C-alpha atoms as a PDB file:
ATOM      1  CA  MET A   1       0.000   0.000   0.000  1.00  0.00           C
ATOM      2  CA  SER A   2       2.595   2.551   1.014  1.00  0.00           C
ATOM      3  CA  SER A   3       4.635   1.889  -2.148  1.00  0.00           C
ATOM      4  CA  ASP A   4       1.534   2.732  -4.221  1.00  0.00           C
ATOM      5  CA  ARG A   5       1.217   6.070  -2.420  1.00  0.00           C
ATOM      6  CA  ILE A   6       4.887   6.825  -2.954  1.00  0.00           C
ATOM      7  CA  SER A   7       4.727   6.019  -6.681  1.00  0.00           C
ATOM      8  CA  ARG A   8       1.566   8.129  -7.096  1.00  0.00           C
ATOM      9  CA  ARG A   9       3.202  11.023  -5.285  1.00  0.00           C
ATOM     10  CA  ALA A  10       6.340  10.661  -7.405  1.00  0.00           C
ATOM     11  CA  ALA A  11       4.255  10.664 -10.586  1.00  0.00           C
ATOM     12  CA  ALA A  12       2.317  13.745  -9.483  1.00  0.00           C
ATOM     13  CA  LEU A  13       5.503  15.593  -8.532  1.00  0.00           C
ATOM     14  CA  GLY A  14       7.081  14.591 -11.849  1.00  0.00           C
ATOM     15  CA  LEU A  15       4.140  16.033 -13.799  1.00  0.00           C
ATOM     16  CA  LEU A  16       4.310  19.256 -11.796  1.00  0.00           C
ATOM     17  CA  ALA A  17       8.041  19.497 -12.483  1.00  0.00           C
ATOM     18  CA  LEU A  18       7.463  19.064 -16.230  1.00  0.00           C
ATOM     19  CA  GLY A  19       4.828  21.776 -16.192  1.00  0.00           C
ATOM     20  CA  GLY A  20       7.146  24.136 -14.357  1.00  0.00           C
ATOM     21  CA  CYS A  21      10.018  23.695 -16.820  1.00  0.00           C
ATOM     22  CA  GLY A  22       8.018  24.920 -19.813  1.00  0.00           C
ATOM     23  CA  PHE A  23       7.211  21.449 -21.161  1.00  0.00           C
ATOM     24  CA  ALA A  24       4.403  21.533 -23.705  1.00  0.00           C
ATOM     25  CA  PRO A  25       3.089  18.437 -25.496  1.00  0.00           C
ATOM     26  CA  VAL A  26       3.605  18.381 -29.253  1.00  0.00           C
ATOM     27  CA  TYR A  27      -0.023  17.444 -29.910  1.00  0.00           C
ATOM     28  CA  SER A  28      -1.571  20.187 -27.785  1.00  0.00           C
ATOM     29  CA  ASP A  29      -4.033  22.697 -29.227  1.00  0.00           C
ATOM     30  CA  GLY A  30      -1.217  25.232 -29.100  1.00  0.00           C
ATOM     31  CA  SER A  31       0.585  23.516 -31.975  1.00  0.00           C
ATOM     32  CA  ALA A  32       2.054  26.042 -34.372  1.00  0.00           C
ATOM     33  CA  LEU A  33       0.118  24.528 -37.308  1.00  0.00           C
ATOM     34  CA  ARG A  34      -3.285  23.767 -35.764  1.00  0.00           C
ATOM     35  CA  GLY A  35      -5.988  25.294 -37.949  1.00  0.00           C
ATOM     36  CA  LEU A  36      -3.436  27.024 -40.204  1.00  0.00           C
ATOM     37  CA  VAL A  37      -3.132  24.455 -43.001  1.00  0.00           C
ATOM     38  CA  THR A  38      -5.354  23.737 -45.994  1.00  0.00           C
ATOM     39  CA  PHE A  39      -5.021  20.352 -47.668  1.00  0.00           C
ATOM     40  CA  GLN A  40      -4.767  19.315 -51.343  1.00  0.00           C
ATOM     41  CA  THR A  41      -4.924  15.560 -51.851  1.00  0.00           C
ATOM     42  CA  ASP A  42      -5.753  13.202 -54.686  1.00  0.00           C
ATOM     43  CA  GLU A  43      -9.440  12.960 -55.546  1.00  0.00           C
ATOM     44  CA  THR A  44      -9.573   9.273 -54.723  1.00  0.00           C
ATOM     45  CA  VAL A  45     -10.871   7.276 -51.790  1.00  0.00           C
ATOM     46  CA  ALA A  46      -7.310   7.036 -50.448  1.00  0.00           C
ATOM     47  CA  GLY A  47      -6.852  10.796 -50.877  1.00  0.00           C
ATOM     48  CA  TYR A  48     -10.110  11.479 -49.060  1.00  0.00           C
ATOM     49  CA  ARG A  49      -9.090   9.238 -46.158  1.00  0.00           C
ATOM     50  CA  LEU A  50      -5.696  10.899 -45.967  1.00  0.00           C
ATOM     51  CA  ARG A  51      -7.255  14.366 -45.958  1.00  0.00           C
ATOM     52  CA  GLU A  52      -9.756  13.345 -43.302  1.00  0.00           C
ATOM     53  CA  ARG A  53      -6.954  12.105 -41.030  1.00  0.00           C
ATOM     54  CA  LEU A  54      -4.880  15.248 -41.628  1.00  0.00           C
ATOM     55  CA  GLU A  55      -7.871  17.373 -40.618  1.00  0.00           C
ATOM     56  CA  GLN A  56      -8.364  15.272 -37.488  1.00  0.00           C
ATOM     57  CA  ARG A  57      -4.745  15.758 -36.472  1.00  0.00           C
ATOM     58  CA  LEU A  58      -4.087  19.363 -37.590  1.00  0.00           C
ATOM     59  CA  GLY A  59      -7.592  20.782 -37.497  1.00  0.00           C
ATOM     60  CA  VAL A  60      -9.762  22.313 -40.169  1.00  0.00           C
ATOM     61  CA  SER A  61      -8.253  25.489 -41.566  1.00  0.00           C
ATOM     62  CA  GLN A  62      -9.535  28.722 -40.086  1.00  0.00           C
ATOM     63  CA  ASN A  63      -6.918  31.261 -41.098  1.00  0.00           C
ATOM     64  CA  ALA A  64      -4.818  29.298 -43.549  1.00  0.00           C
ATOM     65  CA  ARG A  65      -1.174  30.305 -43.726  1.00  0.00           C
ATOM     66  CA  TYR A  66       0.027  27.083 -45.356  1.00  0.00           C
ATOM     67  CA  GLU A  67      -1.129  24.655 -48.011  1.00  0.00           C
ATOM     68  CA  LEU A  68      -0.172  21.001 -47.733  1.00  0.00           C
ATOM     69  CA  ARG A  69      -0.160  19.187 -51.086  1.00  0.00           C
ATOM     70  CA  VAL A  70       0.029  15.410 -51.034  1.00  0.00           C
ATOM     71  CA  ALA A  71       0.358  13.044 -54.002  1.00  0.00           C
ATOM     72  CA  LEU A  72      -0.360   9.406 -53.183  1.00  0.00           C
ATOM     73  CA  SER A  73       0.636   6.202 -54.887  1.00  0.00           C
ATOM     74  CA  GLN A  74      -0.419   2.724 -53.778  1.00  0.00           C
ATOM     75  CA  ASN A  75      -0.028  -0.753 -55.174  1.00  0.00           C
ATOM     76  CA  SER A  76      -0.716  -4.306 -54.038  1.00  0.00           C
ATOM     77  CA  GLN A  77       1.942  -6.983 -54.123  1.00  0.00           C
ATOM     78  CA  PRO A  78       1.572 -10.702 -53.451  1.00  0.00           C
ATOM     79  CA  ALA A  79       3.173 -11.553 -50.117  1.00  0.00           C
ATOM     80  CA  ALA A  80       2.328 -15.233 -49.608  1.00  0.00           C
ATOM     81  CA  ILE A  81       1.675 -17.789 -52.342  1.00  0.00           C
ATOM     82  CA  THR A  82       0.650 -21.396 -51.734  1.00  0.00           C
ATOM     83  CA  ALA A  83       2.241 -24.386 -53.446  1.00  0.00           C
ATOM     84  CA  ALA A  84      -0.820 -24.476 -55.714  1.00  0.00           C
ATOM     85  CA  GLY A  85      -0.050 -20.927 -56.859  1.00  0.00           C
ATOM     86  CA  ASP A  86      -2.857 -19.168 -54.981  1.00  0.00           C
ATOM     87  CA  THR A  87      -2.033 -15.835 -53.373  1.00  0.00           C
ATOM     88  CA  VAL A  88      -3.243 -15.856 -49.775  1.00  0.00           C
ATOM     89  CA  ARG A  89      -1.726 -12.601 -48.524  1.00  0.00           C
ATOM     90  CA  PHE A  90      -1.099  -9.201 -50.085  1.00  0.00           C
ATOM     91  CA  ASN A  91       0.979  -6.208 -49.056  1.00  0.00           C
ATOM     92  CA  VAL A  92      -0.384  -2.789 -49.949  1.00  0.00           C
ATOM     93  CA  VAL A  93       2.583  -0.457 -50.368  1.00  0.00           C
ATOM     94  CA  GLY A  94       2.031   3.283 -50.356  1.00  0.00           C
ATOM     95  CA  ARG A  95       3.992   6.453 -50.802  1.00  0.00           C
ATOM     96  CA  ALA A  96       3.016  10.054 -50.133  1.00  0.00           C
ATOM     97  CA  ASP A  97       5.057  12.873 -51.640  1.00  0.00           C
ATOM     98  CA  TRP A  98       4.167  16.070 -49.817  1.00  0.00           C
ATOM     99  CA  SER A  99       5.059  19.731 -49.703  1.00  0.00           C
ATOM    100  CA  LEU A 100       4.004  22.498 -47.350  1.00  0.00           C
ATOM    101  CA  ARG A 101       3.861  25.927 -48.985  1.00  0.00           C
ATOM    102  CA  ALA A 102       3.415  29.306 -47.376  1.00  0.00           C
ATOM    103  CA  ILE A 103       0.304  30.773 -49.005  1.00  0.00           C
ATOM    104  CA  ALA A 104       1.503  34.371 -48.741  1.00  0.00           C
ATOM    105  CA  THR A 105       4.852  33.832 -50.474  1.00  0.00           C
ATOM    106  CA  GLY A 106       4.386  30.569 -52.364  1.00  0.00           C
ATOM    107  CA  GLN A 107       7.687  29.300 -50.956  1.00  0.00           C
ATOM    108  CA  ILE A 108       8.055  25.697 -49.884  1.00  0.00           C
ATOM    109  CA  ALA A 109       8.367  25.633 -46.097  1.00  0.00           C
ATOM    110  CA  ALA A 110       8.868  21.848 -45.883  1.00  0.00           C
ATOM    111  CA  GLU A 111       8.653  18.799 -48.116  1.00  0.00           C
ATOM    112  CA  GLY A 112       9.231  15.094 -47.902  1.00  0.00           C
ATOM    113  CA  LYS A 113       8.235  11.545 -48.708  1.00  0.00           C
ATOM    114  CA  SER A 114       6.483   9.094 -46.451  1.00  0.00           C
ATOM    115  CA  GLU A 115       6.337   5.378 -47.198  1.00  0.00           C
ATOM    116  CA  SER A 116       4.513   2.584 -45.439  1.00  0.00           C
ATOM    117  CA  PHE A 117       2.694  -0.675 -46.054  1.00  0.00           C
ATOM    118  CA  THR A 118      -0.113  -2.779 -44.648  1.00  0.00           C
ATOM    119  CA  SER A 119      -1.182  -6.346 -45.351  1.00  0.00           C
ATOM    120  CA  TYR A 120      -4.350  -8.325 -45.680  1.00  0.00           C
ATOM    121  CA  ALA A 121      -5.327 -11.969 -46.062  1.00  0.00           C
ATOM    122  CA  ALA A 122      -7.010 -13.139 -49.241  1.00  0.00           C
ATOM    123  CA  THR A 123      -8.650 -16.194 -47.750  1.00  0.00           C
ATOM    124  CA  GLY A 124     -12.316 -16.941 -47.402  1.00  0.00           C
ATOM    125  CA  THR A 125     -14.958 -15.468 -49.660  1.00  0.00           C
ATOM    126  CA  THR A 126     -14.562 -12.826 -52.332  1.00  0.00           C
ATOM    127  CA  VAL A 127     -16.566 -10.393 -50.186  1.00  0.00           C
ATOM    128  CA  ALA A 128     -14.301 -11.005 -47.180  1.00  0.00           C
ATOM    129  CA  THR A 129     -11.179 -10.505 -49.298  1.00  0.00           C
ATOM    130  CA  GLN A 130     -12.578  -7.253 -50.739  1.00  0.00           C
ATOM    131  CA  ALA A 131     -13.453  -6.007 -47.243  1.00  0.00           C
ATOM    132  CA  ALA A 132      -9.943  -6.852 -46.022  1.00  0.00           C
ATOM    133  CA  SER A 133      -8.438  -5.026 -49.013  1.00  0.00           C
ATOM    134  CA  THR A 134     -10.566  -1.934 -48.372  1.00  0.00           C
ATOM    135  CA  ASP A 135      -9.594  -1.953 -44.699  1.00  0.00           C
ATOM    136  CA  ALA A 136      -5.891  -2.319 -45.543  1.00  0.00           C
ATOM    137  CA  ASN A 137      -6.069   0.661 -47.914  1.00  0.00           C
ATOM    138  CA  ALA A 138      -7.789   2.733 -45.214  1.00  0.00           C
ATOM    139  CA  ARG A 139      -5.115   1.797 -42.654  1.00  0.00           C
ATOM    140  CA  LEU A 140      -2.396   2.733 -45.140  1.00  0.00           C
ATOM    141  CA  SER A 141      -3.879   6.204 -45.733  1.00  0.00           C
ATOM    142  CA  ILE A 142      -4.077   6.795 -41.983  1.00  0.00           C
ATOM    143  CA  ALA A 143      -0.502   5.601 -41.447  1.00  0.00           C
ATOM    144  CA  LEU A 144       0.817   7.884 -44.191  1.00  0.00           C
ATOM    145  CA  ALA A 145      -1.119  10.867 -42.812  1.00  0.00           C
ATOM    146  CA  ASP A 146       0.231  10.208 -39.316  1.00  0.00           C
ATOM    147  CA  MET A 147       3.779  10.052 -40.659  1.00  0.00           C
ATOM    148  CA  ILE A 148       3.318  13.389 -42.454  1.00  0.00           C
ATOM    149  CA  VAL A 149       1.842  15.034 -39.354  1.00  0.00           C
ATOM    150  CA  SER A 150       4.652  13.705 -37.163  1.00  0.00           C
ATOM    151  CA  ARG A 151       7.218  15.231 -39.483  1.00  0.00           C
ATOM    152  CA  LEU A 152       5.333  18.532 -39.682  1.00  0.00           C
ATOM    153  CA  LEU A 153       5.011  18.759 -35.903  1.00  0.00           C
ATOM    154  CA  ILE A 154       8.750  18.282 -35.565  1.00  0.00           C
ATOM    155  CA  LEU A 155       9.315  21.045 -38.122  1.00  0.00           C
ATOM    156  CA  SER A 156       6.599  23.351 -36.695  1.00  0.00           C
ATOM    157  CA  ASN A 157       9.009  25.054 -34.294  1.00  0.00           C
ATOM    158  CA  ASP A 158      11.141  26.140 -37.253  1.00  0.00           C
ATOM    159  CA  LEU A 159       8.063  27.317 -39.169  1.00  0.00           C
ATOM    160  CA  SER A 160       6.795  29.501 -36.347  1.00  0.00           C
ATOM    161  CA  GLN A 161      10.061  31.451 -36.103  1.00  0.00           C
END
């Protein structure tokens, strides 16, 4: 019992110490880019999902200072093939080339590439395989968006100066 109280007190004191030293979480509402970015993505289902995730993470633009343009590419590759030649697993590989431009000047503030992949099983019925494929593509769009946001949040201190 007493060790629980000590660990709780230590945790509380640690949080107070972090607050006192000027610590601010990267994902707080005070992020330098929250609500300041408009998004241009491909007009595809994957592009829509990516844009939706970017808006969840960075907020819907209120007073846009930046425009984030993202070009997506995705393809499926067989990952597991049976002795009979049937593909039972696929990898969906995706790449997002992105650039963040200052709207006022048109200059590129940041740019990069994000790559990731997800997998799905192609076993069972055709409907189940299609549902697994759709889900894998959705997960890939979310993963790519999260990678872009992580990079932008790291760079946001440089952008705000």
